[in-house]
Structure formats: structure tokens, C-alpha cells
Amino acid sequence: WRPGHTDLHVDGGRDPHVEFAAALREAGLRLDGPPEMDGQMRRVKVEGDKPGERSGASVGHTDGHPAGYIKNHKTGVERNWKAPGRVQAATAVDRARLTVEAAQRRQTRAQERELVQERAADAAEARLAQAEPAPDDHPYLRSKDVPSYGLRQDREGNLLVPIRDMDGKVMSVQAITAEGRKSFQKEARTQGGHFLIGDAAASK
């Protein structure tokens, strides 16, 4: 038994979390702790990954007969997994507790993700504030034959494109090098964001 996990075992006394962790490692995925088996797909590091890379994916669950899916994008290994043996029948109380625990974990992860994204948005806004207005003859803009439309440029000469939400608040920033390589602010939210060109009110 471990805190935060239901005491669930297959015949033979093996914990499905232990069995799933062994299958993940066999496929080349690297774990920092026991795998979470709440039905949520997760990206995971694999052997040979560089810092920041997560070339593996896995999802597992303990509802009914514990099972899961494993994918190593670096090696191409892909497999479905099922816990060996027959799972002891769970009581209604066990199933209810599993549901509550899974909901609590999802809520905690959502709160943690929101906090990380807020900090990343603050960093993006500070980055924009420290930058200078981008000139129209920036190499990337010149190659595309477009003006800067109010973009910014940092000390390294990267274009900075502010990504805003529907209320106009900065969510992230996209950096574009002179050669056209693009990257977003690390850990910032981008879904639903935009960069407005012109006056939206005037176009109505």
C-alpha cells in the first residue's frame, strides 16, 4: 500500500502499479516514481532523451482489470499492457474511493498547471517590457516582406510576438530568430491565444 493509492492487487499479491512500472521500464521509459494509473495520458522521458525531451507516452488505469498503453516514440516500441492474473472484485466503497481520488488528483494537477502558466505569463510580459520595438528591416520580416506590426525585439535580435488571451492579457511570447526558428515561452499557455494585427473594432 502507498499513500494516495487504493490497496488493489491481482492474484499472486502483485501490485498493478509495480507491474505497470516494470512494463514501462522494459519499453525504455524512465520513471521518477510509481506510475499514476488514473486513465490520463502522460508524456514521459525515455532512455537517450535530452534535457526537456519527453519521447514516451503512457496511460494506465486500475478500473476493472488493470491495463494500460505504452509508446516509446524514440525507438518505435508500442504496446498494450494488462496486469497478469485476475483482479479481486472491488467493493462499491472501493470504486467510489477510486473515483474521488482520481478527481482530486486531476484537480491538484490542474491547479499546479495553472500556477505554472501564470508564472510563465509574468515572465513573458517582463520579457516584452525589456525589449525594443522591432524594425521593419529585421531579417525575418524582410524575408517575408511584411512590416513589424508592433512586434518587439530582444537584445539577441530575436523578434518577440506577444500571445494574448481574449481579455488582452499576455499569455506567452513567441521568439523568432533572424533565420526563422520559432519557440514559445517555456511552460506558458498558448491555446486560445492570438496576436492581433490592426484594429479589430475598426473592422466591424
N, C-alpha and C. Protein backbone atom coordinates (compact mmCIF):
# COMPACT_ATOMS: atom_id res chain seq x y z
N TRP A 1 0.85 -1.20 0.00
CA TRP A 1 0.00 0.00 0.00
C TRP A 1 0.88 1.24 0.00
N ARG A 2 0.43 2.31 -0.71
CA ARG A 2 1.13 3.59 -0.71
C ARG A 2 0.11 4.69 -0.54
N PRO A 3 0.48 5.81 0.14
CA PRO A 3 -0.47 6.91 0.30
C PRO A 3 -0.97 7.38 -1.05
N GLY A 4 -2.29 7.60 -1.15
CA GLY A 4 -2.88 8.09 -2.39
C GLY A 4 -3.26 6.99 -3.36
N HIS A 5 -3.03 5.72 -2.99
CA HIS A 5 -3.38 4.62 -3.87
C HIS A 5 -4.28 3.63 -3.14
N THR A 6 -5.25 3.10 -3.87
CA THR A 6 -6.10 2.08 -3.30
C THR A 6 -5.34 0.77 -3.22
N ASP A 7 -5.57 0.01 -2.17
CA ASP A 7 -4.87 -1.26 -1.96
C ASP A 7 -5.47 -2.31 -2.89
N LEU A 8 -5.00 -2.33 -4.15
CA LEU A 8 -5.56 -3.20 -5.17
C LEU A 8 -4.48 -4.16 -5.64
N HIS A 9 -4.77 -5.45 -5.67
CA HIS A 9 -3.77 -6.43 -6.09
C HIS A 9 -4.41 -7.44 -7.03
N VAL A 10 -3.59 -7.99 -7.89
CA VAL A 10 -4.03 -9.10 -8.72
C VAL A 10 -3.68 -10.37 -7.99
N ASP A 11 -4.24 -11.51 -8.49
CA ASP A 11 -3.91 -12.79 -7.88
C ASP A 11 -2.41 -12.98 -7.87
N GLY A 12 -1.87 -13.46 -6.77
CA GLY A 12 -0.44 -13.60 -6.63
C GLY A 12 0.13 -12.49 -5.77
N GLY A 13 -0.69 -11.48 -5.40
CA GLY A 13 -0.26 -10.44 -4.47
C GLY A 13 0.52 -9.31 -5.10
N ARG A 14 0.63 -9.27 -6.43
CA ARG A 14 1.40 -8.21 -7.07
C ARG A 14 0.57 -6.95 -7.23
N ASP A 15 1.15 -5.82 -6.90
CA ASP A 15 0.50 -4.52 -7.08
C ASP A 15 0.56 -4.17 -8.57
N PRO A 16 -0.59 -3.82 -9.21
CA PRO A 16 -0.56 -3.47 -10.63
C PRO A 16 0.33 -2.26 -10.94
N HIS A 17 0.51 -1.36 -9.96
CA HIS A 17 1.42 -0.23 -10.19
C HIS A 17 2.85 -0.72 -10.39
N VAL A 18 3.24 -1.73 -9.61
CA VAL A 18 4.58 -2.31 -9.75
C VAL A 18 4.71 -3.01 -11.11
N GLU A 19 3.67 -3.77 -11.49
CA GLU A 19 3.69 -4.48 -12.76
C GLU A 19 3.76 -3.50 -13.93
N PHE A 20 2.97 -2.43 -13.87
CA PHE A 20 2.96 -1.45 -14.96
C PHE A 20 4.30 -0.72 -15.04
N ALA A 21 4.88 -0.38 -13.88
CA ALA A 21 6.19 0.29 -13.86
C ALA A 21 7.24 -0.58 -14.52
N ALA A 22 7.19 -1.90 -14.27
CA ALA A 22 8.16 -2.80 -14.89
C ALA A 22 8.00 -2.82 -16.41
N ALA A 23 6.74 -2.79 -16.88
CA ALA A 23 6.49 -2.79 -18.32
C ALA A 23 6.97 -1.49 -18.96
N LEU A 24 6.80 -0.37 -18.25
CA LEU A 24 7.26 0.92 -18.75
C LEU A 24 8.78 0.93 -18.89
N ARG A 25 9.46 0.44 -17.87
CA ARG A 25 10.93 0.42 -17.91
C ARG A 25 11.43 -0.52 -19.02
N GLU A 26 10.74 -1.64 -19.20
CA GLU A 26 11.12 -2.58 -20.25
C GLU A 26 11.03 -1.93 -21.63
N ALA A 27 10.09 -1.01 -21.80
CA ALA A 27 9.91 -0.30 -23.06
C ALA A 27 10.85 0.89 -23.20
N GLY A 28 11.70 1.12 -22.17
CA GLY A 28 12.68 2.21 -22.25
C GLY A 28 12.25 3.51 -21.63
N LEU A 29 11.06 3.56 -20.98
CA LEU A 29 10.60 4.78 -20.35
C LEU A 29 11.25 4.93 -18.98
N ARG A 30 11.57 6.14 -18.61
CA ARG A 30 12.25 6.43 -17.35
C ARG A 30 11.26 7.04 -16.37
N LEU A 31 11.15 6.47 -15.18
CA LEU A 31 10.20 6.92 -14.18
C LEU A 31 10.90 7.59 -13.02
N ASP A 32 10.30 8.65 -12.49
CA ASP A 32 10.81 9.31 -11.29
C ASP A 32 10.14 8.77 -10.04
N GLY A 33 9.13 7.94 -10.19
CA GLY A 33 8.38 7.38 -9.07
C GLY A 33 7.38 6.38 -9.60
N PRO A 34 6.49 5.90 -8.77
CA PRO A 34 5.48 4.94 -9.24
C PRO A 34 4.56 5.59 -10.27
N PRO A 35 4.13 4.85 -11.27
CA PRO A 35 3.26 5.43 -12.30
C PRO A 35 1.86 5.69 -11.75
N GLU A 36 1.27 6.81 -12.20
CA GLU A 36 -0.12 7.10 -11.84
C GLU A 36 -1.02 6.38 -12.85
N MET A 37 -2.00 5.68 -12.32
CA MET A 37 -2.90 4.89 -13.17
C MET A 37 -4.32 5.41 -13.00
N ASP A 38 -4.55 6.62 -13.54
CA ASP A 38 -5.85 7.27 -13.39
C ASP A 38 -6.54 7.51 -14.73
N GLY A 39 -6.05 6.85 -15.77
CA GLY A 39 -6.68 6.99 -17.08
C GLY A 39 -6.25 8.21 -17.85
N GLN A 40 -5.23 8.95 -17.39
CA GLN A 40 -4.76 10.16 -18.07
C GLN A 40 -3.47 9.86 -18.84
N MET A 41 -3.43 10.27 -20.12
CA MET A 41 -2.23 10.09 -20.93
C MET A 41 -1.15 11.06 -20.46
N ARG A 42 0.09 10.56 -20.32
CA ARG A 42 1.19 11.39 -19.86
C ARG A 42 2.40 11.20 -20.76
N ARG A 43 3.16 12.29 -20.99
CA ARG A 43 4.43 12.20 -21.69
C ARG A 43 5.51 11.90 -20.66
N VAL A 44 6.43 11.02 -21.00
CA VAL A 44 7.45 10.53 -20.09
C VAL A 44 8.80 10.54 -20.78
N LYS A 45 9.87 10.74 -20.02
CA LYS A 45 11.21 10.67 -20.57
C LYS A 45 11.54 9.22 -20.94
N VAL A 46 12.38 9.06 -21.95
CA VAL A 46 12.85 7.74 -22.32
C VAL A 46 14.38 7.75 -22.31
N GLU A 47 14.96 6.58 -22.34
CA GLU A 47 16.41 6.47 -22.37
C GLU A 47 16.95 7.15 -23.62
N GLY A 48 17.93 8.03 -23.43
CA GLY A 48 18.51 8.76 -24.56
C GLY A 48 17.91 10.13 -24.78
N ASP A 49 16.85 10.49 -24.04
CA ASP A 49 16.26 11.82 -24.18
C ASP A 49 17.22 12.90 -23.70
N LYS A 50 17.20 14.04 -24.38
CA LYS A 50 17.95 15.20 -23.95
C LYS A 50 17.13 15.94 -22.90
N PRO A 51 17.76 16.84 -22.12
CA PRO A 51 17.00 17.62 -21.13
C PRO A 51 15.82 18.33 -21.77
N GLY A 52 14.65 18.16 -21.17
CA GLY A 52 13.44 18.78 -21.68
C GLY A 52 12.65 17.91 -22.63
N GLU A 53 13.26 16.86 -23.15
CA GLU A 53 12.55 15.96 -24.07
C GLU A 53 11.72 14.94 -23.29
N ARG A 54 10.59 14.58 -23.84
CA ARG A 54 9.73 13.53 -23.30
C ARG A 54 9.22 12.72 -24.48
N SER A 55 9.98 11.73 -24.86
CA SER A 55 9.69 10.98 -26.07
C SER A 55 8.83 9.74 -25.81
N GLY A 56 8.36 9.59 -24.59
CA GLY A 56 7.50 8.45 -24.27
C GLY A 56 6.11 8.91 -23.89
N ALA A 57 5.15 8.00 -24.00
CA ALA A 57 3.77 8.29 -23.60
C ALA A 57 3.19 7.04 -22.97
N SER A 58 2.37 7.24 -21.94
CA SER A 58 1.74 6.09 -21.30
C SER A 58 0.44 6.51 -20.65
N VAL A 59 -0.46 5.55 -20.53
CA VAL A 59 -1.71 5.75 -19.81
C VAL A 59 -2.07 4.42 -19.17
N GLY A 60 -2.50 4.46 -17.92
CA GLY A 60 -2.88 3.24 -17.22
C GLY A 60 -4.11 3.48 -16.36
N HIS A 61 -4.81 2.42 -16.04
CA HIS A 61 -5.97 2.54 -15.16
C HIS A 61 -6.10 1.27 -14.33
N THR A 62 -6.79 1.40 -13.21
CA THR A 62 -7.00 0.27 -12.31
C THR A 62 -8.47 -0.09 -12.20
N ASP A 63 -9.30 0.49 -13.06
CA ASP A 63 -10.73 0.14 -13.06
C ASP A 63 -10.91 -1.24 -13.68
N GLY A 64 -11.64 -2.11 -12.99
CA GLY A 64 -11.83 -3.46 -13.52
C GLY A 64 -10.52 -4.21 -13.51
N HIS A 65 -10.09 -4.67 -14.68
CA HIS A 65 -8.79 -5.34 -14.80
C HIS A 65 -7.75 -4.29 -15.17
N PRO A 66 -6.73 -4.05 -14.31
CA PRO A 66 -5.73 -3.02 -14.60
C PRO A 66 -5.10 -3.22 -15.97
N ALA A 67 -5.00 -2.13 -16.73
CA ALA A 67 -4.46 -2.20 -18.09
C ALA A 67 -3.84 -0.86 -18.45
N GLY A 68 -3.17 -0.81 -19.58
CA GLY A 68 -2.55 0.44 -19.98
C GLY A 68 -2.02 0.38 -21.41
N TYR A 69 -1.42 1.50 -21.82
CA TYR A 69 -0.85 1.66 -23.16
C TYR A 69 0.50 2.32 -23.00
N ILE A 70 1.50 1.85 -23.78
CA ILE A 70 2.87 2.35 -23.68
C ILE A 70 3.39 2.65 -25.08
N LYS A 71 4.05 3.81 -25.25
CA LYS A 71 4.62 4.19 -26.54
C LYS A 71 5.96 4.86 -26.32
N ASN A 72 7.01 4.34 -26.98
CA ASN A 72 8.33 4.96 -26.99
C ASN A 72 8.55 5.52 -28.38
N HIS A 73 8.39 6.85 -28.52
CA HIS A 73 8.49 7.47 -29.83
C HIS A 73 9.92 7.45 -30.37
N LYS A 74 10.90 7.30 -29.51
CA LYS A 74 12.29 7.29 -29.96
C LYS A 74 12.66 5.95 -30.60
N THR A 75 12.18 4.85 -30.00
CA THR A 75 12.51 3.52 -30.52
C THR A 75 11.41 2.93 -31.39
N GLY A 76 10.19 3.49 -31.29
CA GLY A 76 9.07 2.96 -32.04
C GLY A 76 8.32 1.85 -31.32
N VAL A 77 8.77 1.51 -30.10
CA VAL A 77 8.08 0.47 -29.33
C VAL A 77 6.69 0.96 -28.93
N GLU A 78 5.68 0.15 -29.18
CA GLU A 78 4.30 0.49 -28.84
C GLU A 78 3.59 -0.78 -28.42
N ARG A 79 2.95 -0.75 -27.25
CA ARG A 79 2.29 -1.97 -26.79
C ARG A 79 1.13 -1.64 -25.86
N ASN A 80 0.19 -2.55 -25.82
CA ASN A 80 -0.87 -2.54 -24.82
C ASN A 80 -0.44 -3.45 -23.68
N TRP A 81 -0.85 -3.10 -22.47
CA TRP A 81 -0.44 -3.86 -21.29
C TRP A 81 -1.67 -4.23 -20.47
N LYS A 82 -1.69 -5.44 -19.93
CA LYS A 82 -2.71 -5.86 -18.99
C LYS A 82 -2.04 -6.54 -17.81
N ALA A 83 -2.55 -6.28 -16.62
CA ALA A 83 -1.99 -6.92 -15.44
C ALA A 83 -2.23 -8.42 -15.51
N PRO A 84 -1.24 -9.21 -15.16
CA PRO A 84 -1.44 -10.66 -15.18
C PRO A 84 -2.38 -11.09 -14.06
N GLY A 85 -3.05 -12.22 -14.26
CA GLY A 85 -3.92 -12.74 -13.21
C GLY A 85 -5.29 -12.12 -13.23
N ARG A 86 -6.09 -12.48 -12.28
CA ARG A 86 -7.47 -11.99 -12.17
C ARG A 86 -7.55 -11.01 -11.01
N VAL A 87 -8.16 -9.86 -11.23
CA VAL A 87 -8.27 -8.84 -10.20
C VAL A 87 -9.35 -9.22 -9.20
N GLN A 88 -9.04 -9.07 -7.95
CA GLN A 88 -10.05 -9.30 -6.92
C GLN A 88 -11.16 -8.28 -7.07
N ALA A 89 -12.39 -8.70 -6.88
CA ALA A 89 -13.54 -7.81 -7.06
C ALA A 89 -13.48 -6.65 -6.09
N ALA A 90 -13.69 -5.47 -6.60
CA ALA A 90 -13.69 -4.28 -5.75
C ALA A 90 -15.10 -4.03 -5.24
N THR A 91 -15.18 -3.55 -4.03
CA THR A 91 -16.48 -3.23 -3.47
C THR A 91 -16.93 -1.87 -4.00
N ALA A 92 -18.19 -1.56 -3.78
CA ALA A 92 -18.72 -0.26 -4.19
C ALA A 92 -17.97 0.86 -3.49
N VAL A 93 -17.58 0.64 -2.25
CA VAL A 93 -16.82 1.64 -1.50
C VAL A 93 -15.46 1.86 -2.15
N ASP A 94 -14.80 0.75 -2.56
CA ASP A 94 -13.51 0.86 -3.24
C ASP A 94 -13.63 1.67 -4.53
N ARG A 95 -14.67 1.37 -5.31
CA ARG A 95 -14.85 2.08 -6.59
C ARG A 95 -15.13 3.56 -6.36
N ALA A 96 -15.92 3.87 -5.35
CA ALA A 96 -16.21 5.27 -5.05
C ALA A 96 -14.95 6.00 -4.61
N ARG A 97 -14.13 5.30 -3.81
CA ARG A 97 -12.89 5.93 -3.34
C ARG A 97 -11.93 6.16 -4.50
N LEU A 98 -11.87 5.20 -5.43
CA LEU A 98 -11.04 5.38 -6.61
C LEU A 98 -11.46 6.61 -7.41
N THR A 99 -12.77 6.76 -7.57
CA THR A 99 -13.30 7.90 -8.34
C THR A 99 -12.95 9.22 -7.67
N VAL A 100 -13.11 9.28 -6.35
CA VAL A 100 -12.81 10.50 -5.61
C VAL A 100 -11.32 10.82 -5.68
N GLU A 101 -10.47 9.80 -5.51
CA GLU A 101 -9.03 10.02 -5.54
C GLU A 101 -8.58 10.51 -6.90
N ALA A 102 -9.14 9.93 -7.97
CA ALA A 102 -8.78 10.35 -9.32
C ALA A 102 -9.20 11.80 -9.57
N ALA A 103 -10.39 12.18 -9.10
CA ALA A 103 -10.87 13.55 -9.26
C ALA A 103 -9.98 14.53 -8.50
N GLN A 104 -9.56 14.14 -7.30
CA GLN A 104 -8.70 15.01 -6.50
C GLN A 104 -7.34 15.21 -7.18
N ARG A 105 -6.80 14.12 -7.75
CA ARG A 105 -5.51 14.25 -8.43
C ARG A 105 -5.63 15.15 -9.66
N ARG A 106 -6.74 15.01 -10.41
CA ARG A 106 -6.93 15.87 -11.58
C ARG A 106 -7.03 17.33 -11.17
N GLN A 107 -7.75 17.61 -10.07
CA GLN A 107 -7.91 18.98 -9.61
C GLN A 107 -6.57 19.56 -9.17
N THR A 108 -5.79 18.75 -8.46
CA THR A 108 -4.48 19.21 -7.99
C THR A 108 -3.56 19.51 -9.16
N ARG A 109 -3.55 18.62 -10.17
CA ARG A 109 -2.71 18.85 -11.34
C ARG A 109 -3.15 20.10 -12.10
N ALA A 110 -4.46 20.32 -12.20
CA ALA A 110 -4.97 21.50 -12.90
C ALA A 110 -4.55 22.78 -12.18
N GLN A 111 -4.61 22.77 -10.84
CA GLN A 111 -4.21 23.94 -10.07
C GLN A 111 -2.71 24.20 -10.21
N GLU A 112 -1.93 23.13 -10.16
CA GLU A 112 -0.48 23.28 -10.31
C GLU A 112 -0.13 23.80 -11.70
N ARG A 113 -0.82 23.27 -12.73
CA ARG A 113 -0.57 23.71 -14.10
C ARG A 113 -0.94 25.18 -14.28
N GLU A 114 -2.05 25.60 -13.67
CA GLU A 114 -2.48 27.00 -13.78
C GLU A 114 -1.47 27.94 -13.13
N LEU A 115 -0.91 27.53 -11.97
CA LEU A 115 0.08 28.36 -11.29
C LEU A 115 1.35 28.49 -12.13
N VAL A 116 1.79 27.38 -12.71
CA VAL A 116 2.98 27.41 -13.57
C VAL A 116 2.76 28.31 -14.77
N GLN A 117 1.57 28.23 -15.37
CA GLN A 117 1.27 29.05 -16.54
C GLN A 117 1.19 30.52 -16.19
N GLU A 118 0.69 30.85 -15.00
CA GLU A 118 0.63 32.25 -14.57
C GLU A 118 2.04 32.82 -14.40
N ARG A 119 2.93 32.03 -13.83
CA ARG A 119 4.31 32.48 -13.66
C ARG A 119 4.99 32.65 -15.02
N ALA A 120 4.72 31.75 -15.93
CA ALA A 120 5.30 31.84 -17.27
C ALA A 120 4.76 33.08 -17.99
N ALA A 121 3.49 33.41 -17.79
CA ALA A 121 2.90 34.60 -18.42
C ALA A 121 3.55 35.87 -17.87
N ASP A 122 3.82 35.89 -16.56
CA ASP A 122 4.51 37.04 -15.96
C ASP A 122 5.90 37.20 -16.56
N ALA A 123 6.61 36.07 -16.74
CA ALA A 123 7.94 36.12 -17.33
C ALA A 123 7.88 36.61 -18.77
N ALA A 124 6.87 36.19 -19.52
CA ALA A 124 6.71 36.63 -20.90
C ALA A 124 6.45 38.13 -20.98
N GLU A 125 5.61 38.62 -20.07
CA GLU A 125 5.30 40.06 -20.05
C GLU A 125 6.53 40.88 -19.71
N ALA A 126 7.34 40.39 -18.75
CA ALA A 126 8.58 41.09 -18.39
C ALA A 126 9.56 41.09 -19.56
N ARG A 127 9.61 39.99 -20.27
CA ARG A 127 10.49 39.88 -21.43
C ARG A 127 10.12 40.89 -22.50
N LEU A 128 8.83 41.05 -22.72
CA LEU A 128 8.37 42.04 -23.71
C LEU A 128 8.68 43.46 -23.26
N ALA A 129 8.50 43.73 -21.97
CA ALA A 129 8.73 45.08 -21.45
C ALA A 129 10.18 45.50 -21.57
N GLN A 130 11.11 44.54 -21.52
CA GLN A 130 12.53 44.84 -21.60
C GLN A 130 13.03 44.94 -23.04
N ALA A 131 12.18 44.58 -24.00
CA ALA A 131 12.59 44.57 -25.40
C ALA A 131 12.34 45.93 -26.06
N GLU A 132 12.94 46.11 -27.24
CA GLU A 132 12.79 47.33 -28.03
C GLU A 132 11.81 47.08 -29.18
N PRO A 133 11.21 48.16 -29.72
CA PRO A 133 10.37 47.97 -30.90
C PRO A 133 11.17 47.34 -32.04
N ALA A 134 10.57 46.39 -32.72
CA ALA A 134 11.27 45.70 -33.81
C ALA A 134 11.25 46.55 -35.07
N PRO A 135 12.38 46.67 -35.77
CA PRO A 135 12.41 47.46 -37.02
C PRO A 135 11.81 46.66 -38.17
N ASP A 136 11.30 47.37 -39.16
CA ASP A 136 10.69 46.70 -40.31
C ASP A 136 11.73 45.95 -41.15
N ASP A 137 13.02 46.32 -40.98
CA ASP A 137 14.05 45.65 -41.78
C ASP A 137 14.70 44.49 -41.03
N HIS A 138 14.03 43.98 -39.98
CA HIS A 138 14.54 42.78 -39.32
C HIS A 138 14.66 41.69 -40.38
N PRO A 139 15.75 40.89 -40.36
CA PRO A 139 15.96 39.88 -41.41
C PRO A 139 14.77 38.96 -41.66
N TYR A 140 14.10 38.52 -40.60
CA TYR A 140 12.97 37.62 -40.79
C TYR A 140 11.80 38.35 -41.45
N LEU A 141 11.52 39.57 -40.99
CA LEU A 141 10.42 40.35 -41.58
C LEU A 141 10.73 40.70 -43.03
N ARG A 142 12.00 41.02 -43.29
CA ARG A 142 12.39 41.35 -44.66
C ARG A 142 12.22 40.15 -45.57
N SER A 143 12.53 38.95 -45.06
CA SER A 143 12.38 37.75 -45.89
C SER A 143 10.92 37.45 -46.19
N LYS A 144 10.03 37.88 -45.30
CA LYS A 144 8.59 37.66 -45.50
C LYS A 144 7.91 38.85 -46.17
N ASP A 145 8.67 39.95 -46.31
CA ASP A 145 8.16 41.17 -46.94
C ASP A 145 6.92 41.70 -46.20
N VAL A 146 7.02 41.75 -44.85
CA VAL A 146 5.94 42.31 -44.03
C VAL A 146 6.54 43.27 -43.01
N PRO A 147 5.77 44.28 -42.59
CA PRO A 147 6.25 45.19 -41.54
C PRO A 147 6.17 44.52 -40.18
N SER A 148 6.62 45.21 -39.15
CA SER A 148 6.70 44.60 -37.81
C SER A 148 5.35 44.55 -37.10
N TYR A 149 4.40 45.38 -37.47
CA TYR A 149 3.08 45.40 -36.83
C TYR A 149 3.17 45.51 -35.30
N GLY A 150 4.17 46.26 -34.82
CA GLY A 150 4.28 46.49 -33.39
C GLY A 150 4.99 45.39 -32.62
N LEU A 151 5.70 44.50 -33.30
CA LEU A 151 6.45 43.45 -32.61
C LEU A 151 7.62 44.06 -31.84
N ARG A 152 8.19 43.27 -30.96
CA ARG A 152 9.34 43.69 -30.17
C ARG A 152 10.57 42.90 -30.60
N GLN A 153 11.73 43.37 -30.17
CA GLN A 153 12.99 42.69 -30.48
C GLN A 153 13.86 42.70 -29.24
N ASP A 154 14.40 41.51 -28.86
CA ASP A 154 15.24 41.46 -27.67
C ASP A 154 16.70 41.78 -28.01
N ARG A 155 17.58 41.73 -27.02
CA ARG A 155 18.98 42.11 -27.21
C ARG A 155 19.71 41.18 -28.16
N GLU A 156 19.22 39.93 -28.28
CA GLU A 156 19.86 38.97 -29.19
C GLU A 156 19.35 39.11 -30.62
N GLY A 157 18.43 40.05 -30.85
CA GLY A 157 17.91 40.25 -32.19
C GLY A 157 16.73 39.36 -32.55
N ASN A 158 16.17 38.67 -31.55
CA ASN A 158 15.01 37.83 -31.80
C ASN A 158 13.73 38.66 -31.83
N LEU A 159 12.86 38.39 -32.79
CA LEU A 159 11.53 39.01 -32.77
C LEU A 159 10.74 38.41 -31.63
N LEU A 160 9.95 39.22 -30.95
CA LEU A 160 9.08 38.75 -29.88
C LEU A 160 7.63 39.05 -30.25
N VAL A 161 6.85 37.99 -30.37
CA VAL A 161 5.44 38.12 -30.72
C VAL A 161 4.60 37.88 -29.46
N PRO A 162 3.90 38.90 -28.94
CA PRO A 162 3.07 38.67 -27.75
C PRO A 162 1.84 37.84 -28.07
N ILE A 163 1.58 36.82 -27.27
CA ILE A 163 0.40 35.98 -27.42
C ILE A 163 -0.56 36.37 -26.30
N ARG A 164 -1.76 36.84 -26.67
CA ARG A 164 -2.70 37.38 -25.68
C ARG A 164 -3.99 36.54 -25.62
N ASP A 165 -4.67 36.63 -24.48
CA ASP A 165 -5.96 35.97 -24.35
C ASP A 165 -7.06 36.91 -24.82
N MET A 166 -8.32 36.51 -24.68
CA MET A 166 -9.43 37.32 -25.18
C MET A 166 -9.58 38.64 -24.44
N ASP A 167 -9.01 38.75 -23.24
CA ASP A 167 -9.05 39.99 -22.48
C ASP A 167 -7.85 40.88 -22.75
N GLY A 168 -6.96 40.44 -23.62
CA GLY A 168 -5.79 41.24 -23.96
C GLY A 168 -4.59 41.01 -23.05
N LYS A 169 -4.69 40.09 -22.12
CA LYS A 169 -3.58 39.82 -21.20
C LYS A 169 -2.57 38.91 -21.88
N VAL A 170 -1.28 39.20 -21.65
CA VAL A 170 -0.22 38.38 -22.24
C VAL A 170 -0.23 36.99 -21.62
N MET A 171 -0.32 35.96 -22.47
CA MET A 171 -0.27 34.57 -22.03
C MET A 171 1.12 33.98 -22.22
N SER A 172 1.73 34.38 -23.35
CA SER A 172 3.02 33.82 -23.72
C SER A 172 3.69 34.78 -24.69
N VAL A 173 4.86 34.41 -25.15
CA VAL A 173 5.55 35.18 -26.19
C VAL A 173 6.24 34.18 -27.10
N GLN A 174 6.17 34.44 -28.39
CA GLN A 174 6.88 33.60 -29.35
C GLN A 174 8.11 34.34 -29.83
N ALA A 175 9.26 33.69 -29.74
CA ALA A 175 10.51 34.27 -30.22
C ALA A 175 10.82 33.71 -31.60
N ILE A 176 11.26 34.60 -32.52
CA ILE A 176 11.61 34.19 -33.88
C ILE A 176 12.99 34.73 -34.18
N THR A 177 13.93 33.84 -34.49
CA THR A 177 15.29 34.26 -34.81
C THR A 177 15.33 34.84 -36.22
N ALA A 178 16.48 35.45 -36.55
CA ALA A 178 16.66 36.01 -37.89
C ALA A 178 16.53 34.93 -38.96
N GLU A 179 16.88 33.66 -38.59
CA GLU A 179 16.79 32.56 -39.54
C GLU A 179 15.40 31.93 -39.60
N GLY A 180 14.49 32.37 -38.71
CA GLY A 180 13.13 31.86 -38.74
C GLY A 180 12.83 30.75 -37.76
N ARG A 181 13.77 30.43 -36.85
CA ARG A 181 13.48 29.42 -35.84
C ARG A 181 12.54 30.02 -34.79
N LYS A 182 11.49 29.25 -34.43
CA LYS A 182 10.44 29.77 -33.55
C LYS A 182 10.36 28.95 -32.27
N SER A 183 10.07 29.64 -31.16
CA SER A 183 9.89 28.95 -29.88
C SER A 183 8.98 29.78 -29.00
N PHE A 184 8.18 29.10 -28.18
CA PHE A 184 7.29 29.78 -27.25
C PHE A 184 7.90 29.83 -25.85
N GLN A 185 7.39 30.75 -25.05
CA GLN A 185 7.81 30.83 -23.66
C GLN A 185 7.59 29.49 -22.98
N LYS A 186 8.61 28.98 -22.33
CA LYS A 186 8.53 27.67 -21.70
C LYS A 186 7.43 27.64 -20.64
N GLU A 187 6.59 26.60 -20.68
CA GLU A 187 5.54 26.31 -19.71
C GLU A 187 4.38 27.30 -19.76
N ALA A 188 4.37 28.19 -20.74
CA ALA A 188 3.26 29.14 -20.85
C ALA A 188 2.13 28.53 -21.66
N ARG A 189 0.91 29.02 -21.41
CA ARG A 189 -0.25 28.55 -22.16
C ARG A 189 -0.32 29.28 -23.50
N THR A 190 -0.66 28.55 -24.55
CA THR A 190 -0.81 29.16 -25.88
C THR A 190 -2.19 28.88 -26.47
N GLN A 191 -2.87 27.85 -25.99
CA GLN A 191 -4.17 27.50 -26.55
C GLN A 191 -5.16 28.64 -26.34
N GLY A 192 -5.82 29.06 -27.41
CA GLY A 192 -6.78 30.14 -27.33
C GLY A 192 -6.15 31.52 -27.43
N GLY A 193 -4.82 31.58 -27.61
CA GLY A 193 -4.14 32.87 -27.69
C GLY A 193 -4.12 33.41 -29.12
N HIS A 194 -3.77 34.71 -29.24
CA HIS A 194 -3.73 35.33 -30.57
C HIS A 194 -2.80 36.54 -30.54
N PHE A 195 -2.41 36.99 -31.71
CA PHE A 195 -1.71 38.26 -31.89
C PHE A 195 -2.52 39.06 -32.89
N LEU A 196 -3.05 40.19 -32.46
CA LEU A 196 -3.96 40.96 -33.28
C LEU A 196 -3.18 41.94 -34.16
N ILE A 197 -3.48 41.93 -35.44
CA ILE A 197 -2.92 42.89 -36.38
C ILE A 197 -4.01 43.87 -36.78
N GLY A 198 -3.77 45.14 -36.53
CA GLY A 198 -4.75 46.15 -36.86
C GLY A 198 -5.74 46.38 -35.72
N ASP A 199 -6.81 47.09 -36.01
CA ASP A 199 -7.84 47.45 -35.04
C ASP A 199 -9.08 46.62 -35.29
N ALA A 200 -9.34 45.66 -34.37
CA ALA A 200 -10.50 44.79 -34.56
C ALA A 200 -11.81 45.58 -34.54
N ALA A 201 -11.87 46.61 -33.70
CA ALA A 201 -13.11 47.39 -33.57
C ALA A 201 -13.39 48.15 -34.89
N ALA A 202 -12.32 48.60 -35.55
CA ALA A 202 -12.50 49.38 -36.77
C ALA A 202 -13.00 48.53 -37.92
N SER A 203 -12.76 47.21 -37.84
CA SER A 203 -13.15 46.33 -38.94
C SER A 203 -14.61 45.89 -38.84
N LYS A 204 -15.28 46.19 -37.74
CA LYS A 204 -16.67 45.78 -37.56
C LYS A 204 -17.62 46.67 -38.34
